[in-house]
Amino acid sequence: MAPIVGLLGGLLERGEKRGVFRRGIDPNELYIAIAALGYFYLSNSATLSAVLGRELRAPTRLDEHWRASAEMIQRFVRAAA
């Protein structure tokens, strides 16, 4: 197991016990999702910028993407209210 997956697994376990994170999240899949959110955006930013008509590597756009990505992951792991 990769060290980062082990860290995520421990974090998920502690969050489940506290009732903060929902049960049954696979740390491998969570890691892949986090990596995908960053990799796809950056590796395709030139093409996406042309298609969408906005410069995705501009500091404000990058900040928007990282904030949106963090919110997506938080909503994915959060336990139901």
PDB file of N, CA and C in Angstrom:
ATOM      1  N   MET A   1       0.846  -1.182   0.000  1.00  0.00           N
ATOM      2  CA  MET A   1       0.000   0.000   0.000  1.00  0.00           C
ATOM      3  C   MET A   1       0.888   1.241   0.000  1.00  0.00           C
ATOM      4  N   ALA A   2       0.529   2.186  -0.831  1.00  0.00           N
ATOM      5  CA  ALA A   2       1.266   3.448  -0.890  1.00  0.00           C
ATOM      6  C   ALA A   2       1.073   4.206   0.415  1.00  0.00           C
ATOM      7  N   PRO A   3       2.113   4.878   0.896  1.00  0.00           N
ATOM      8  CA  PRO A   3       1.992   5.621   2.164  1.00  0.00           C
ATOM      9  C   PRO A   3       0.826   6.608   2.192  1.00  0.00           C
ATOM     10  N   ILE A   4       0.578   7.303   1.098  1.00  0.00           N
ATOM     11  CA  ILE A   4      -0.509   8.285   1.078  1.00  0.00           C
ATOM     12  C   ILE A   4      -1.861   7.597   1.238  1.00  0.00           C
ATOM     13  N   VAL A   5      -2.015   6.418   0.668  1.00  0.00           N
ATOM     14  CA  VAL A   5      -3.274   5.673   0.809  1.00  0.00           C
ATOM     15  C   VAL A   5      -3.442   5.217   2.258  1.00  0.00           C
ATOM     16  N   GLY A   6      -2.341   4.829   2.891  1.00  0.00           N
ATOM     17  CA  GLY A   6      -2.406   4.469   4.307  1.00  0.00           C
ATOM     18  C   GLY A   6      -2.807   5.649   5.176  1.00  0.00           C
ATOM     19  N   LEU A   7      -2.274   6.817   4.864  1.00  0.00           N
ATOM     20  CA  LEU A   7      -2.646   8.027   5.613  1.00  0.00           C
ATOM     21  C   LEU A   7      -4.129   8.354   5.418  1.00  0.00           C
ATOM     22  N   LEU A   8      -4.595   8.264   4.178  1.00  0.00           N
ATOM     23  CA  LEU A   8      -6.011   8.525   3.905  1.00  0.00           C
ATOM     24  C   LEU A   8      -6.897   7.500   4.618  1.00  0.00           C
ATOM     25  N   GLY A   9      -6.466   6.239   4.626  1.00  0.00           N
ATOM     26  CA  GLY A   9      -7.230   5.197   5.300  1.00  0.00           C
ATOM     27  C   GLY A   9      -7.374   5.486   6.789  1.00  0.00           C
ATOM     28  N   GLY A  10      -6.283   5.907   7.419  1.00  0.00           N
ATOM     29  CA  GLY A  10      -6.339   6.264   8.834  1.00  0.00           C
ATOM     30  C   GLY A  10      -7.229   7.463   9.083  1.00  0.00           C
ATOM     31  N   LEU A  11      -7.132   8.446   8.238  1.00  0.00           N
ATOM     32  CA  LEU A  11      -7.965   9.641   8.359  1.00  0.00           C
ATOM     33  C   LEU A  11      -9.446   9.289   8.205  1.00  0.00           C
ATOM     34  N   LEU A  12      -9.749   8.460   7.218  1.00  0.00           N
ATOM     35  CA  LEU A  12     -11.135   8.041   7.011  1.00  0.00           C
ATOM     36  C   LEU A  12     -11.661   7.254   8.212  1.00  0.00           C
ATOM     37  N   GLU A  13     -10.843   6.381   8.738  1.00  0.00           N
ATOM     38  CA  GLU A  13     -11.244   5.575   9.894  1.00  0.00           C
ATOM     39  C   GLU A  13     -11.543   6.458  11.108  1.00  0.00           C
ATOM     40  N   ARG A  14     -10.662   7.404  11.370  1.00  0.00           N
ATOM     41  CA  ARG A  14     -10.893   8.323  12.507  1.00  0.00           C
ATOM     42  C   ARG A  14     -12.146   9.165  12.277  1.00  0.00           C
ATOM     43  N   GLY A  15     -12.343   9.620  11.052  1.00  0.00           N
ATOM     44  CA  GLY A  15     -13.520  10.423  10.739  1.00  0.00           C
ATOM     45  C   GLY A  15     -14.809   9.626  10.846  1.00  0.00           C
ATOM     46  N   GLU A  16     -14.767   8.353  10.454  1.00  0.00           N
ATOM     47  CA  GLU A  16     -15.940   7.477  10.600  1.00  0.00           C
ATOM     48  C   GLU A  16     -16.298   7.316  12.075  1.00  0.00           C
ATOM     49  N   LYS A  17     -15.300   7.054  12.903  1.00  0.00           N
ATOM     50  CA  LYS A  17     -15.535   6.853  14.340  1.00  0.00           C
ATOM     51  C   LYS A  17     -16.134   8.088  14.990  1.00  0.00           C
ATOM     52  N   ARG A  18     -15.753   9.249  14.529  1.00  0.00           N
ATOM     53  CA  ARG A  18     -16.281  10.502  15.082  1.00  0.00           C
ATOM     54  C   ARG A  18     -17.627  10.882  14.464  1.00  0.00           C
ATOM     55  N   GLY A  19     -18.034  10.162  13.425  1.00  0.00           N
ATOM     56  CA  GLY A  19     -19.294  10.466  12.767  1.00  0.00           C
ATOM     57  C   GLY A  19     -19.206  11.617  11.791  1.00  0.00           C
ATOM     58  N   VAL A  20     -17.993  12.016  11.451  1.00  0.00           N
ATOM     59  CA  VAL A  20     -17.776  13.134  10.531  1.00  0.00           C
ATOM     60  C   VAL A  20     -17.788  12.654   9.077  1.00  0.00           C
ATOM     61  N   PHE A  21     -17.222  11.479   8.827  1.00  0.00           N
ATOM     62  CA  PHE A  21     -17.160  10.911   7.482  1.00  0.00           C
ATOM     63  C   PHE A  21     -18.118   9.740   7.380  1.00  0.00           C
ATOM     64  N   ARG A  22     -18.666   9.550   6.203  1.00  0.00           N
ATOM     65  CA  ARG A  22     -19.556   8.412   5.981  1.00  0.00           C
ATOM     66  C   ARG A  22     -18.743   7.119   5.928  1.00  0.00           C
ATOM     67  N   ARG A  23     -19.398   6.037   6.149  1.00  0.00           N
ATOM     68  CA  ARG A  23     -18.738   4.729   6.152  1.00  0.00           C
ATOM     69  C   ARG A  23     -18.542   4.200   4.735  1.00  0.00           C
ATOM     70  N   GLY A  24     -17.534   3.327   4.603  1.00  0.00           N
ATOM     71  CA  GLY A  24     -17.362   2.572   3.377  1.00  0.00           C
ATOM     72  C   GLY A  24     -16.593   3.230   2.257  1.00  0.00           C
ATOM     73  N   ILE A  25     -15.881   4.300   2.549  1.00  0.00           N
ATOM     74  CA  ILE A  25     -15.090   4.955   1.504  1.00  0.00           C
ATOM     75  C   ILE A  25     -13.776   4.196   1.343  1.00  0.00           C
ATOM     76  N   ASP A  26     -13.482   3.805   0.138  1.00  0.00           N
ATOM     77  CA  ASP A  26     -12.227   3.110  -0.164  1.00  0.00           C
ATOM     78  C   ASP A  26     -11.124   4.160  -0.289  1.00  0.00           C
ATOM     79  N   PRO A  27     -10.077   4.090   0.539  1.00  0.00           N
ATOM     80  CA  PRO A  27      -9.020   5.096   0.467  1.00  0.00           C
ATOM     81  C   PRO A  27      -8.300   5.124  -0.881  1.00  0.00           C
ATOM     82  N   ASN A  28      -8.233   3.978  -1.559  1.00  0.00           N
ATOM     83  CA  ASN A  28      -7.622   3.950  -2.892  1.00  0.00           C
ATOM     84  C   ASN A  28      -8.442   4.781  -3.875  1.00  0.00           C
ATOM     85  N   GLU A  29      -9.764   4.600  -3.843  1.00  0.00           N
ATOM     86  CA  GLU A  29     -10.643   5.345  -4.738  1.00  0.00           C
ATOM     87  C   GLU A  29     -10.647   6.836  -4.403  1.00  0.00           C
ATOM     88  N   LEU A  30     -10.590   7.157  -3.121  1.00  0.00           N
ATOM     89  CA  LEU A  30     -10.522   8.561  -2.726  1.00  0.00           C
ATOM     90  C   LEU A  30      -9.242   9.199  -3.254  1.00  0.00           C
ATOM     91  N   TYR A  31      -8.134   8.499  -3.119  1.00  0.00           N
ATOM     92  CA  TYR A  31      -6.862   9.014  -3.626  1.00  0.00           C
ATOM     93  C   TYR A  31      -6.925   9.249  -5.135  1.00  0.00           C
ATOM     94  N   ILE A  32      -7.495   8.278  -5.861  1.00  0.00           N
ATOM     95  CA  ILE A  32      -7.613   8.418  -7.312  1.00  0.00           C
ATOM     96  C   ILE A  32      -8.463   9.639  -7.662  1.00  0.00           C
ATOM     97  N   ALA A  33      -9.559   9.835  -6.938  1.00  0.00           N
ATOM     98  CA  ALA A  33     -10.441  10.976  -7.208  1.00  0.00           C
ATOM     99  C   ALA A  33      -9.718  12.300  -6.967  1.00  0.00           C
ATOM    100  N   ILE A  34      -8.986  12.388  -5.859  1.00  0.00           N
ATOM    101  CA  ILE A  34      -8.243  13.615  -5.559  1.00  0.00           C
ATOM    102  C   ILE A  34      -7.190  13.880  -6.631  1.00  0.00           C
ATOM    103  N   ALA A  35      -6.448  12.843  -6.992  1.00  0.00           N
ATOM    104  CA  ALA A  35      -5.413  12.996  -8.020  1.00  0.00           C
ATOM    105  C   ALA A  35      -6.025  13.386  -9.362  1.00  0.00           C
ATOM    106  N   ALA A  36      -7.158  12.788  -9.696  1.00  0.00           N
ATOM    107  CA  ALA A  36      -7.801  13.065 -10.980  1.00  0.00           C
ATOM    108  C   ALA A  36      -8.256  14.516 -11.080  1.00  0.00           C
ATOM    109  N   LEU A  37      -8.780  15.050  -9.986  1.00  0.00           N
ATOM    110  CA  LEU A  37      -9.241  16.441 -10.012  1.00  0.00           C
ATOM    111  C   LEU A  37      -8.103  17.408 -10.347  1.00  0.00           C
ATOM    112  N   GLY A  38      -6.931  17.131  -9.848  1.00  0.00           N
ATOM    113  CA  GLY A  38      -5.792  17.993 -10.140  1.00  0.00           C
ATOM    114  C   GLY A  38      -5.161  17.699 -11.493  1.00  0.00           C
ATOM    115  N   TYR A  39      -4.946  16.415 -11.767  1.00  0.00           N
ATOM    116  CA  TYR A  39      -4.233  16.038 -12.979  1.00  0.00           C
ATOM    117  C   TYR A  39      -4.985  16.431 -14.242  1.00  0.00           C
ATOM    118  N   PHE A  40      -6.265  16.087 -14.308  1.00  0.00           N
ATOM    119  CA  PHE A  40      -7.030  16.374 -15.519  1.00  0.00           C
ATOM    120  C   PHE A  40      -7.042  17.868 -15.821  1.00  0.00           C
ATOM    121  N   TYR A  41      -7.298  18.654 -14.795  1.00  0.00           N
ATOM    122  CA  TYR A  41      -7.367  20.105 -14.968  1.00  0.00           C
ATOM    123  C   TYR A  41      -6.053  20.657 -15.504  1.00  0.00           C
ATOM    124  N   LEU A  42      -4.952  20.282 -14.861  1.00  0.00           N
ATOM    125  CA  LEU A  42      -3.652  20.834 -15.261  1.00  0.00           C
ATOM    126  C   LEU A  42      -3.164  20.278 -16.595  1.00  0.00           C
ATOM    127  N   SER A  43      -3.316  18.971 -16.804  1.00  0.00           N
ATOM    128  CA  SER A  43      -2.781  18.379 -18.026  1.00  0.00           C
ATOM    129  C   SER A  43      -3.579  18.773 -19.272  1.00  0.00           C
ATOM    130  N   ASN A  44      -4.814  19.175 -19.087  1.00  0.00           N
ATOM    131  CA  ASN A  44      -5.659  19.561 -20.218  1.00  0.00           C
ATOM    132  C   ASN A  44      -5.975  21.051 -20.238  1.00  0.00           C
ATOM    133  N   SER A  45      -5.267  21.826 -19.454  1.00  0.00           N
ATOM    134  CA  SER A  45      -5.615  23.241 -19.306  1.00  0.00           C
ATOM    135  C   SER A  45      -5.493  24.030 -20.611  1.00  0.00           C
ATOM    136  N   ALA A  46      -4.536  23.711 -21.449  1.00  0.00           N
ATOM    137  CA  ALA A  46      -4.402  24.454 -22.709  1.00  0.00           C
ATOM    138  C   ALA A  46      -5.608  24.210 -23.614  1.00  0.00           C
ATOM    139  N   THR A  47      -5.963  22.953 -23.795  1.00  0.00           N
ATOM    140  CA  THR A  47      -7.108  22.609 -24.633  1.00  0.00           C
ATOM    141  C   THR A  47      -8.406  23.135 -24.034  1.00  0.00           C
ATOM    142  N   LEU A  48      -8.592  22.910 -22.727  1.00  0.00           N
ATOM    143  CA  LEU A  48      -9.813  23.379 -22.072  1.00  0.00           C
ATOM    144  C   LEU A  48      -9.919  24.898 -22.102  1.00  0.00           C
ATOM    145  N   SER A  49      -8.793  25.582 -21.972  1.00  0.00           N
ATOM    146  CA  SER A  49      -8.810  27.044 -22.041  1.00  0.00           C
ATOM    147  C   SER A  49      -9.310  27.508 -23.405  1.00  0.00           C
ATOM    148  N   ALA A  50      -8.847  26.845 -24.460  1.00  0.00           N
ATOM    149  CA  ALA A  50      -9.278  27.211 -25.817  1.00  0.00           C
ATOM    150  C   ALA A  50     -10.756  26.894 -26.026  1.00  0.00           C
ATOM    151  N   VAL A  51     -11.184  25.745 -25.582  1.00  0.00           N
ATOM    152  CA  VAL A  51     -12.578  25.327 -25.768  1.00  0.00           C
ATOM    153  C   VAL A  51     -13.530  26.196 -24.948  1.00  0.00           C
ATOM    154  N   LEU A  52     -13.154  26.482 -23.719  1.00  0.00           N
ATOM    155  CA  LEU A  52     -14.029  27.231 -22.820  1.00  0.00           C
ATOM    156  C   LEU A  52     -13.878  28.743 -22.931  1.00  0.00           C
ATOM    157  N   GLY A  53     -12.817  29.188 -23.626  1.00  0.00           N
ATOM    158  CA  GLY A  53     -12.605  30.621 -23.811  1.00  0.00           C
ATOM    159  C   GLY A  53     -12.208  31.346 -22.540  1.00  0.00           C
ATOM    160  N   ARG A  54     -11.487  30.656 -21.667  1.00  0.00           N
ATOM    161  CA  ARG A  54     -10.994  31.291 -20.444  1.00  0.00           C
ATOM    162  C   ARG A  54      -9.664  30.659 -20.058  1.00  0.00           C
ATOM    163  N   GLU A  55      -8.779  31.465 -19.538  1.00  0.00           N
ATOM    164  CA  GLU A  55      -7.430  30.997 -19.194  1.00  0.00           C
ATOM    165  C   GLU A  55      -7.470  30.264 -17.862  1.00  0.00           C
ATOM    166  N   LEU A  56      -7.416  28.926 -17.927  1.00  0.00           N
ATOM    167  CA  LEU A  56      -7.558  28.122 -16.724  1.00  0.00           C
ATOM    168  C   LEU A  56      -6.337  28.151 -15.806  1.00  0.00           C
ATOM    169  N   ARG A  57      -5.210  28.573 -16.327  1.00  0.00           N
ATOM    170  CA  ARG A  57      -4.019  28.642 -15.472  1.00  0.00           C
ATOM    171  C   ARG A  57      -3.827  30.011 -14.824  1.00  0.00           C
ATOM    172  N   ALA A  58      -4.746  30.913 -15.046  1.00  0.00           N
ATOM    173  CA  ALA A  58      -4.684  32.210 -14.369  1.00  0.00           C
ATOM    174  C   ALA A  58      -4.837  31.958 -12.862  1.00  0.00           C
ATOM    175  N   PRO A  59      -4.118  32.707 -12.041  1.00  0.00           N
ATOM    176  CA  PRO A  59      -4.167  32.466 -10.593  1.00  0.00           C
ATOM    177  C   PRO A  59      -5.580  32.413 -10.014  1.00  0.00           C
ATOM    178  N   THR A  60      -6.458  33.278 -10.447  1.00  0.00           N
ATOM    179  CA  THR A  60      -7.823  33.261  -9.898  1.00  0.00           C
ATOM    180  C   THR A  60      -8.576  32.003 -10.324  1.00  0.00           C
ATOM    181  N   ARG A  61      -8.366  31.550 -11.559  1.00  0.00           N
ATOM    182  CA  ARG A  61      -9.021  30.327 -12.036  1.00  0.00           C
ATOM    183  C   ARG A  61      -8.491  29.095 -11.299  1.00  0.00           C
ATOM    184  N   LEU A  62      -7.180  29.054 -11.092  1.00  0.00           N
ATOM    185  CA  LEU A  62      -6.599  27.944 -10.341  1.00  0.00           C
ATOM    186  C   LEU A  62      -7.167  27.898  -8.927  1.00  0.00           C
ATOM    187  N   ASP A  63      -7.250  29.047  -8.299  1.00  0.00           N
ATOM    188  CA  ASP A  63      -7.799  29.112  -6.949  1.00  0.00           C
ATOM    189  C   ASP A  63      -9.249  28.639  -6.935  1.00  0.00           C
ATOM    190  N   GLU A  64     -10.036  29.057  -7.925  1.00  0.00           N
ATOM    191  CA  GLU A  64     -11.429  28.601  -8.021  1.00  0.00           C
ATOM    192  C   GLU A  64     -11.502  27.087  -8.167  1.00  0.00           C
ATOM    193  N   HIS A  65     -10.612  26.539  -8.996  1.00  0.00           N
ATOM    194  CA  HIS A  65     -10.623  25.091  -9.212  1.00  0.00           C
ATOM    195  C   HIS A  65     -10.259  24.346  -7.935  1.00  0.00           C
ATOM    196  N   TRP A  66      -9.224  24.787  -7.236  1.00  0.00           N
ATOM    197  CA  TRP A  66      -8.804  24.085  -6.009  1.00  0.00           C
ATOM    198  C   TRP A  66      -9.890  24.164  -4.944  1.00  0.00           C
ATOM    199  N   ARG A  67     -10.561  25.307  -4.850  1.00  0.00           N
ATOM    200  CA  ARG A  67     -11.661  25.440  -3.879  1.00  0.00           C
ATOM    201  C   ARG A  67     -12.833  24.530  -4.245  1.00  0.00           C
ATOM    202  N   ALA A  68     -13.184  24.499  -5.519  1.00  0.00           N
ATOM    203  CA  ALA A  68     -14.284  23.638  -5.966  1.00  0.00           C
ATOM    204  C   ALA A  68     -13.926  22.160  -5.764  1.00  0.00           C
ATOM    205  N   SER A  69     -12.690  21.807  -6.051  1.00  0.00           N
ATOM    206  CA  SER A  69     -12.239  20.425  -5.870  1.00  0.00           C
ATOM    207  C   SER A  69     -12.308  20.024  -4.400  1.00  0.00           C
ATOM    208  N   ALA A  70     -11.853  20.905  -3.528  1.00  0.00           N
ATOM    209  CA  ALA A  70     -11.900  20.625  -2.087  1.00  0.00           C
ATOM    210  C   ALA A  70     -13.347  20.437  -1.633  1.00  0.00           C
ATOM    211  N   GLU A  71     -14.248  21.267  -2.135  1.00  0.00           N
ATOM    212  CA  GLU A  71     -15.655  21.140  -1.761  1.00  0.00           C
ATOM    213  C   GLU A  71     -16.238  19.820  -2.258  1.00  0.00           C
ATOM    214  N   MET A  72     -15.877  19.406  -3.478  1.00  0.00           N
ATOM    215  CA  MET A  72     -16.370  18.131  -4.007  1.00  0.00           C
ATOM    216  C   MET A  72     -15.929  16.968  -3.122  1.00  0.00           C
ATOM    217  N   ILE A  73     -14.658  16.961  -2.752  1.00  0.00           N
ATOM    218  CA  ILE A  73     -14.139  15.877  -1.921  1.00  0.00           C
ATOM    219  C   ILE A  73     -14.787  15.911  -0.537  1.00  0.00           C
ATOM    220  N   GLN A  74     -14.933  17.099   0.033  1.00  0.00           N
ATOM    221  CA  GLN A  74     -15.569  17.210   1.347  1.00  0.00           C
ATOM    222  C   GLN A  74     -17.005  16.693   1.306  1.00  0.00           C
ATOM    223  N   ARG A  75     -17.735  17.031   0.258  1.00  0.00           N
ATOM    224  CA  ARG A  75     -19.120  16.553   0.144  1.00  0.00           C
ATOM    225  C   ARG A  75     -19.163  15.052  -0.061  1.00  0.00           C
ATOM    226  N   PHE A  76     -18.180  14.494  -0.728  1.00  0.00           N
ATOM    227  CA  PHE A  76     -18.115  13.058  -0.964  1.00  0.00           C
ATOM    228  C   PHE A  76     -17.889  12.294   0.339  1.00  0.00           C
ATOM    229  N   VAL A  77     -17.030  12.781   1.202  1.00  0.00           N
ATOM    230  CA  VAL A  77     -16.685  12.039   2.422  1.00  0.00           C
ATOM    231  C   VAL A  77     -17.595  12.346   3.602  1.00  0.00           C
ATOM    232  N   ARG A  78     -18.265  13.477   3.574  1.00  0.00           N
ATOM    233  CA  ARG A  78     -19.066  13.934   4.729  1.00  0.00           C
ATOM    234  C   ARG A  78     -20.214  12.974   5.040  1.00  0.00           C
ATOM    235  N   ALA A  79     -20.395  12.713   6.334  1.00  0.00           N
ATOM    236  CA  ALA A  79     -21.512  11.898   6.784  1.00  0.00           C
ATOM    237  C   ALA A  79     -22.808  12.660   6.592  1.00  0.00           C
ATOM    238  N   ALA A  80     -23.886  11.944   6.376  1.00  0.00           N
ATOM    239  CA  ALA A  80     -25.196  12.577   6.222  1.00  0.00           C
ATOM    240  C   ALA A  80     -25.578  13.274   7.510  1.00  0.00           C
ATOM    241  N   ALA A  81     -26.224  14.409   7.363  1.00  0.00           N
ATOM    242  CA  ALA A  81     -26.628  15.193   8.547  1.00  0.00           C
ATOM    243  C   ALA A  81     -27.792  14.538   9.257  1.00  0.00           C
TER     244      ALA A  81
END
